Amino acid sequence: ELQLIAAEIDNRLANLGFEPETRQFNPHLTLARIKFLKNKKAFYEAVEMYRETYFQTATIKKFIFYRSILKPGGAVFRELGKFRLYT
């Protein structure tokens, strides 16, 4: 479903004159950003250990687009728009 939403957004933006995205859409959820990692090997081993682990499901009722502005003190996020999902 996220692929369909992304395609619809691309189509509507193209109709407004925006250049289409050339990279393949890769839906993801950013849980954390790591600026510095002391032991990368241990981190990647932990990620691999839980790669196929089911944690929970979630019902998504809306999504928010943010602009991520990277600054020396950390990222600043600006809300660009909220969109309600109808089920």
Protein backbone atom coordinates (compact mmCIF):
# COMPACT_ATOMS: atom_id res chain seq x y z
CA GLU A 1 0.00 0.00 0.00
CA LEU A 2 2.88 2.38 0.68
CA GLN A 3 4.16 1.75 -2.84
CA LEU A 4 0.76 2.83 -4.19
CA ILE A 5 0.73 5.98 -2.05
CA ALA A 6 4.26 6.86 -3.18
CA ALA A 7 3.33 6.32 -6.84
CA GLU A 8 0.25 8.54 -6.46
CA ILE A 9 2.32 11.30 -4.84
CA ASP A 10 4.91 11.04 -7.64
CA ASN A 11 2.18 11.25 -10.29
CA ARG A 12 0.51 14.28 -8.73
CA LEU A 13 3.82 16.08 -8.27
CA ALA A 14 4.78 15.32 -11.87
CA ASN A 15 1.49 16.92 -12.97
CA LEU A 16 2.57 20.04 -11.07
CA GLY A 17 5.88 20.14 -12.94
CA PHE A 18 8.18 18.47 -10.40
CA GLU A 19 10.87 16.14 -11.69
CA PRO A 20 10.07 12.48 -10.90
CA GLU A 21 12.19 10.70 -8.32
CA THR A 22 14.72 8.42 -9.98
CA ARG A 23 15.55 6.34 -6.93
CA GLN A 24 13.41 3.33 -6.09
CA PHE A 25 10.98 3.99 -3.23
CA ASN A 26 12.11 2.17 -0.09
CA PRO A 27 9.46 2.48 2.64
CA HIS A 28 11.00 2.61 6.09
CA LEU A 29 10.49 3.85 9.59
CA THR A 30 13.34 5.70 11.25
CA LEU A 31 13.45 4.63 14.89
CA ALA A 32 16.73 6.28 15.76
CA ARG A 33 19.69 8.03 14.24
CA ILE A 34 23.10 7.10 15.53
CA LYS A 35 25.71 9.81 15.24
CA PHE A 36 28.54 7.82 16.80
CA LEU A 37 28.80 4.09 17.42
CA LYS A 38 31.66 2.73 19.50
CA ASN A 39 31.16 -0.96 18.68
CA LYS A 40 29.64 -1.28 15.21
CA LYS A 41 30.19 -5.04 15.11
CA ALA A 42 28.08 -5.64 18.25
CA PHE A 43 25.36 -3.36 16.94
CA TYR A 44 25.12 -5.12 13.58
CA GLU A 45 25.14 -8.52 15.29
CA ALA A 46 22.20 -7.46 17.48
CA VAL A 47 20.30 -6.14 14.45
CA GLU A 48 20.91 -9.40 12.59
CA MET A 49 19.83 -11.48 15.60
CA TYR A 50 16.42 -9.76 15.68
CA ARG A 51 15.96 -9.29 11.92
CA GLU A 52 13.09 -11.78 11.64
CA THR A 53 11.60 -11.13 15.10
CA TYR A 54 7.94 -10.09 15.24
CA PHE A 55 7.38 -7.40 17.84
CA GLN A 56 3.88 -6.01 17.24
CA THR A 57 1.43 -4.62 14.70
CA ALA A 58 0.19 -1.07 14.64
CA THR A 59 -2.78 0.67 13.07
CA ILE A 60 -1.73 3.85 11.32
CA LYS A 61 -4.45 6.52 11.14
CA LYS A 62 -2.37 9.40 9.82
CA PHE A 63 1.09 10.20 8.58
CA ILE A 64 3.11 13.36 8.80
CA PHE A 65 5.74 14.57 6.36
CA TYR A 66 8.74 16.15 8.03
CA ARG A 67 11.68 18.01 6.63
CA SER A 68 14.88 16.99 8.36
CA ILE A 69 17.33 19.88 8.69
CA LEU A 70 20.75 18.65 9.78
CA LYS A 71 22.59 20.99 12.14
CA PRO A 72 25.76 20.57 14.24
CA GLY A 73 23.68 20.12 17.41
CA GLY A 74 21.44 17.50 15.80
CA ALA A 75 18.59 17.32 13.33
CA VAL A 76 15.71 19.77 13.47
CA PHE A 77 12.39 18.52 12.12
CA ARG A 78 9.79 20.78 10.54
CA GLU A 79 6.32 19.46 9.89
CA LEU A 80 5.34 19.89 6.25
CA GLY A 81 1.87 18.36 6.34
CA LYS A 82 -0.44 15.88 8.07
CA PHE A 83 -2.51 13.36 6.16
CA ARG A 84 -5.28 11.19 7.54
CA LEU A 85 -5.61 7.63 6.26
CA TYR A 86 -9.11 6.31 5.76
CA THR A 87 -9.67 2.63 6.34
